[in-house]
């Protein structure tokens, strides 16, 4: 069942992005109340941004339960899994929404490939980050120009690098401050899956374990994302070739949540 909405907990949302608003969100307990208040106040200037992972699907489900119009976006790097493209269409049909697919500048992609090769990310971590910057970070920066509120499915249990992430924070973009909110930040993997089962929420088939227990923990580009084995760290499947020489600086991130 969908958790009860405690809408009275957030009562003074403002039009402006400021510390008072940030504190209101930090004090709100239920993800659904956060979504309700943000979409009611900011409308199309707020959006759930998801790659199709389970946390994002929970946010879409909760937003739909609020019966308010809401905006959903995804970053189409032009290299996603076929299963992901098909799954996004399934989600659109299930919830009666249109997911905005934000793509990279094709000229920038072609210039990168011409200069460094199609598989530049195998050469070094810096080239992997350059590829992610072209395909994900820059498109996200363009999207942020249309937003005041960026809603993510980030959770602290997803990786060591994410354990200190706040539920709400104000970030600076090129043009204006943006409230970045992660309503499920404290949810565990077990809680997410339990909620998905209880509410019959669509699940990308890549996230389901095969007969050997192998599954995708995260959903990125088709070449840069592999399944993980039972017991492996949750980010082990991203840029797996980097696992051979782990360093303190290697946070296994694309830069989307750490360089905007």
Protein backbone atom coordinates (compact mmCIF):
# COMPACT_ATOMS: atom_id res chain seq x y z
CA UNK A 1 0.00 0.00 0.00
CA UNK A 2 1.07 3.56 -0.64
CA UNK A 3 2.16 5.26 2.61
CA UNK A 4 -0.17 7.82 4.10
CA UNK A 5 0.50 11.37 2.95
CA UNK A 6 1.35 13.74 5.82
CA UNK A 7 0.88 16.90 3.79
CA UNK A 8 0.66 19.08 6.88
CA UNK A 9 4.36 18.42 7.57
CA UNK A 10 5.42 20.77 4.77
CA UNK A 11 3.25 23.86 4.89
CA UNK A 12 5.33 26.85 3.86
CA UNK A 13 6.96 26.04 0.53
CA UNK A 14 8.09 29.21 -1.22
CA UNK A 15 8.52 30.12 -4.85
CA UNK A 16 12.18 30.92 -4.29
CA UNK A 17 14.95 28.41 -3.71
CA UNK A 18 16.44 29.26 -0.34
CA UNK A 19 17.63 27.67 2.89
CA UNK A 20 14.16 27.90 4.45
CA UNK A 21 12.75 25.69 1.70
CA UNK A 22 15.69 23.32 2.00
CA UNK A 23 15.08 22.93 5.72
CA UNK A 24 11.38 22.25 5.15
CA UNK A 25 12.26 19.36 2.87
CA UNK A 26 14.87 18.02 5.27
CA UNK A 27 12.24 17.89 8.01
CA UNK A 28 9.63 16.14 5.85
CA UNK A 29 9.47 12.43 6.63
CA UNK A 30 7.55 10.78 3.78
CA UNK A 31 8.78 10.76 0.16
CA UNK A 32 5.23 11.15 -1.09
CA UNK A 33 4.62 14.34 0.87
CA UNK A 34 7.84 15.79 -0.53
CA UNK A 35 6.78 15.02 -4.10
CA UNK A 36 3.29 16.37 -3.54
CA UNK A 37 4.49 19.68 -2.18
CA UNK A 38 7.24 20.18 -4.78
CA UNK A 39 5.08 19.42 -7.81
CA UNK A 40 2.18 21.43 -6.41
CA UNK A 41 4.39 24.46 -5.91
CA UNK A 42 6.86 24.29 -8.78
CA UNK A 43 4.82 22.34 -11.37
CA UNK A 44 6.87 21.85 -14.58
CA UNK A 45 9.87 23.55 -12.97
CA UNK A 46 10.32 20.38 -10.89
CA UNK A 47 11.21 17.00 -12.40
CA UNK A 48 12.10 13.45 -11.44
CA UNK A 49 15.29 12.59 -13.30
CA UNK A 50 15.85 8.83 -13.55
CA UNK A 51 17.79 6.28 -15.58
CA UNK A 52 15.01 3.73 -15.08
CA UNK A 53 16.42 2.23 -11.91
CA UNK A 54 14.10 1.01 -9.20
CA UNK A 55 14.37 4.08 -6.96
CA UNK A 56 13.24 6.27 -9.84
CA UNK A 57 10.30 3.98 -10.50
CA UNK A 58 9.21 4.31 -6.87
CA UNK A 59 9.30 8.09 -7.20
CA UNK A 60 7.21 7.96 -10.38
CA UNK A 61 4.69 5.66 -8.69
CA UNK A 62 4.39 7.92 -5.63
CA UNK A 63 4.05 11.02 -7.80
CA UNK A 64 1.30 9.36 -9.83
CA UNK A 65 -0.53 8.44 -6.62
CA UNK A 66 -0.67 12.14 -5.74
CA UNK A 67 -2.80 12.77 -8.85
CA UNK A 68 -0.92 15.94 -9.73
CA UNK A 69 0.75 16.57 -13.10
CA UNK A 70 4.43 15.75 -12.80
CA UNK A 71 7.48 15.83 -15.04
CA UNK A 72 9.89 12.92 -15.63
CA UNK A 73 13.18 13.13 -17.54
CA UNK A 74 15.93 10.69 -18.44
CA UNK A 75 19.38 11.18 -19.92
CA UNK A 76 19.61 9.26 -23.19
CA UNK A 77 23.35 8.92 -23.79
CA UNK A 78 22.62 7.27 -27.17
CA UNK A 79 24.25 4.12 -25.75
CA UNK A 80 21.61 2.74 -23.37
CA UNK A 81 20.57 -0.92 -23.28
CA UNK A 82 17.74 -1.93 -25.66
CA UNK A 83 15.96 -3.27 -22.59
CA UNK A 84 16.10 0.21 -21.02
CA UNK A 85 14.55 1.93 -24.04
CA UNK A 86 11.77 -0.67 -24.13
CA UNK A 87 11.24 -0.40 -20.39
CA UNK A 88 10.83 3.38 -20.50
CA UNK A 89 8.04 2.93 -23.03
CA UNK A 90 6.42 0.44 -20.65
CA UNK A 91 6.58 2.97 -17.81
CA UNK A 92 5.02 5.66 -19.99
CA UNK A 93 2.13 3.34 -20.82
CA UNK A 94 1.65 2.23 -17.21
CA UNK A 95 1.46 5.74 -15.74
CA UNK A 96 0.13 7.70 -18.72
CA UNK A 97 3.14 9.99 -18.86
CA UNK A 98 5.72 11.07 -21.42
CA UNK A 99 9.32 10.73 -20.29
CA UNK A 100 11.52 13.47 -21.71
CA UNK A 101 14.68 11.93 -23.19
CA UNK A 102 17.54 14.42 -22.98
CA UNK A 103 20.28 13.58 -25.48
CA UNK A 104 23.86 14.84 -25.88
CA UNK A 105 24.86 17.25 -28.62
CA UNK A 106 25.55 14.90 -31.53
CA UNK A 107 28.24 17.19 -32.95
CA UNK A 108 30.09 17.10 -29.61
CA UNK A 109 29.80 13.31 -29.54
CA UNK A 110 31.15 12.99 -33.07
CA UNK A 111 34.03 15.34 -32.32
CA UNK A 112 34.92 13.30 -29.23
CA UNK A 113 34.81 10.00 -31.12
CA UNK A 114 36.87 11.40 -33.99
CA UNK A 115 39.53 12.71 -31.61
CA UNK A 116 39.71 9.87 -29.07
CA UNK A 117 37.96 6.87 -30.63
CA UNK A 118 34.59 5.28 -29.91
CA UNK A 119 35.85 3.34 -26.89
CA UNK A 120 37.99 6.08 -25.32
CA UNK A 121 36.73 5.20 -21.84
CA UNK A 122 38.96 2.09 -21.84
CA UNK A 123 42.10 4.26 -22.13
CA UNK A 124 41.98 6.07 -18.79
CA UNK A 125 39.68 7.28 -16.05
CA UNK A 126 40.07 10.85 -17.31
CA UNK A 127 38.81 9.83 -20.75
CA UNK A 128 35.94 7.91 -19.15
CA UNK A 129 35.00 11.08 -17.29
CA UNK A 130 35.31 13.09 -20.52
CA UNK A 131 32.89 10.72 -22.26
CA UNK A 132 30.45 10.93 -19.34
CA UNK A 133 30.75 14.70 -19.40
CA UNK A 134 29.77 14.86 -23.08
CA UNK A 135 27.00 12.26 -22.88
CA UNK A 136 25.51 12.98 -19.44
CA UNK A 137 26.80 16.00 -17.54
CA UNK A 138 26.42 18.60 -20.29
CA UNK A 139 22.91 17.41 -21.27
CA UNK A 140 21.99 17.54 -17.57
CA UNK A 141 23.28 21.10 -17.38
CA UNK A 142 20.99 22.04 -20.26
CA UNK A 143 18.06 20.36 -18.54
CA UNK A 144 18.76 22.20 -15.29
CA UNK A 145 18.19 25.50 -17.07
CA UNK A 146 14.51 24.50 -17.24
CA UNK A 147 14.29 23.40 -13.58
CA UNK A 148 14.14 24.85 -10.10
CA UNK A 149 13.88 21.42 -8.44
CA UNK A 150 15.87 18.31 -9.43
CA UNK A 151 14.44 15.13 -7.86
CA UNK A 152 16.73 12.09 -7.82
CA UNK A 153 16.57 8.46 -6.74
CA UNK A 154 19.93 8.59 -4.99
CA UNK A 155 20.29 6.48 -1.83
CA UNK A 156 23.10 6.37 0.69
CA UNK A 157 23.41 2.59 0.54
CA UNK A 158 24.28 2.63 -3.18
CA UNK A 159 28.00 3.27 -2.67
CA UNK A 160 30.58 4.55 -0.18
CA UNK A 161 30.80 7.82 -2.12
CA UNK A 162 27.08 8.43 -1.58
CA UNK A 163 26.90 7.75 2.15
CA UNK A 164 27.21 11.42 3.06
CA UNK A 165 24.81 12.82 0.47
CA UNK A 166 22.09 15.06 1.94
CA UNK A 167 18.38 14.56 1.37
CA UNK A 168 18.12 18.14 0.12
CA UNK A 169 20.70 20.70 -0.89
CA UNK A 170 20.95 23.86 -2.95
CA UNK A 171 23.33 23.57 -5.86
CA UNK A 172 24.58 26.27 -8.18
CA UNK A 173 23.97 26.11 -11.91
CA UNK A 174 25.13 28.54 -14.57
CA UNK A 175 21.98 30.64 -14.27
CA UNK A 176 20.19 30.07 -10.95
CA UNK A 177 20.14 28.05 -7.71
CA UNK A 178 18.48 24.63 -7.86
CA UNK A 179 17.06 22.53 -5.07
CA UNK A 180 18.33 18.96 -5.46
CA UNK A 181 16.17 16.49 -3.53
CA UNK A 182 16.61 12.75 -2.93
CA UNK A 183 13.40 11.66 -1.15
CA UNK A 184 14.54 8.02 -0.78
CA UNK A 185 18.02 8.87 0.47
CA UNK A 186 17.70 6.76 3.64
CA UNK A 187 15.86 3.80 2.10
CA UNK A 188 17.70 0.47 1.92
CA UNK A 189 17.80 -1.84 -1.07
CA UNK A 190 15.57 -4.29 0.81
CA UNK A 191 12.97 -1.61 1.55
CA UNK A 192 12.95 -0.44 -2.07
CA UNK A 193 12.38 -3.95 -3.42
CA UNK A 194 9.71 -4.71 -0.82
CA UNK A 195 7.81 -1.54 -1.72
CA UNK A 196 8.10 -2.37 -5.43
CA UNK A 197 6.68 -5.86 -4.90
CA UNK A 198 3.84 -4.67 -2.68
CA UNK A 199 2.80 -2.02 -5.21
CA UNK A 200 3.45 -3.97 -8.43
CA UNK A 201 5.86 -1.31 -9.66
CA UNK A 202 7.49 -1.96 -13.07
CA UNK A 203 11.08 -3.23 -12.84
CA UNK A 204 13.67 -3.07 -15.61
CA UNK A 205 14.40 -6.75 -16.44
CA UNK A 206 18.14 -6.05 -16.23
CA UNK A 207 17.78 -5.52 -12.47
CA UNK A 208 16.45 -9.03 -11.88
CA UNK A 209 18.91 -11.77 -10.96
CA UNK A 210 19.54 -14.64 -13.38
CA UNK A 211 19.84 -18.31 -12.42
CA UNK A 212 23.37 -17.70 -11.13
CA UNK A 213 22.44 -14.68 -9.06
CA UNK A 214 24.04 -12.17 -11.44
CA UNK A 215 22.16 -8.91 -11.93
CA UNK A 216 22.63 -5.25 -12.86
CA UNK A 217 22.76 -3.05 -9.79
CA UNK A 218 22.84 0.14 -11.86
CA UNK A 219 21.79 1.12 -15.36
CA UNK A 220 24.25 3.03 -17.47
CA UNK A 221 25.62 2.78 -21.00
CA UNK A 222 25.67 -0.66 -22.57
CA UNK A 223 29.47 -0.97 -22.79
CA UNK A 224 30.27 0.60 -19.43
CA UNK A 225 27.81 -1.38 -17.29
CA UNK A 226 28.02 -5.09 -16.46
CA UNK A 227 26.16 -7.39 -14.06
CA UNK A 228 27.56 -7.94 -10.59
CA UNK A 229 27.99 -11.22 -8.75
CA UNK A 230 26.54 -11.93 -5.31
CA UNK A 231 28.71 -10.25 -2.68
CA UNK A 232 30.32 -7.71 -5.00
CA UNK A 233 30.15 -3.97 -4.22
CA UNK A 234 27.12 -2.33 -5.80
CA UNK A 235 29.24 -0.13 -8.11
CA UNK A 236 31.51 -3.00 -9.21
CA UNK A 237 29.63 -3.35 -12.48
CA UNK A 238 30.32 0.22 -13.59
CA UNK A 239 33.53 0.60 -15.64
CA UNK A 240 34.56 -2.84 -14.42
CA UNK A 241 38.05 -2.54 -15.89
CA UNK A 242 38.79 0.10 -13.22
CA UNK A 243 38.33 -2.52 -10.49
CA UNK A 244 41.78 -3.99 -11.20
CA UNK A 245 43.55 -0.88 -9.89
CA UNK A 246 41.29 0.63 -7.22
CA UNK A 247 42.36 3.94 -5.77
CA UNK A 248 41.02 6.22 -3.10
CA UNK A 249 40.11 8.73 -5.79
CA UNK A 250 38.22 6.20 -7.91
CA UNK A 251 34.69 6.79 -6.72
CA UNK A 252 33.14 4.99 -9.72
CA UNK A 253 30.93 7.98 -10.58
CA UNK A 254 30.12 9.59 -13.93
CA UNK A 255 30.32 13.08 -12.43
CA UNK A 256 26.62 13.77 -12.75
CA UNK A 257 26.05 14.07 -9.01
CA UNK A 258 29.45 15.45 -8.08
CA UNK A 259 30.35 18.00 -10.75
CA UNK A 260 27.14 19.85 -11.71
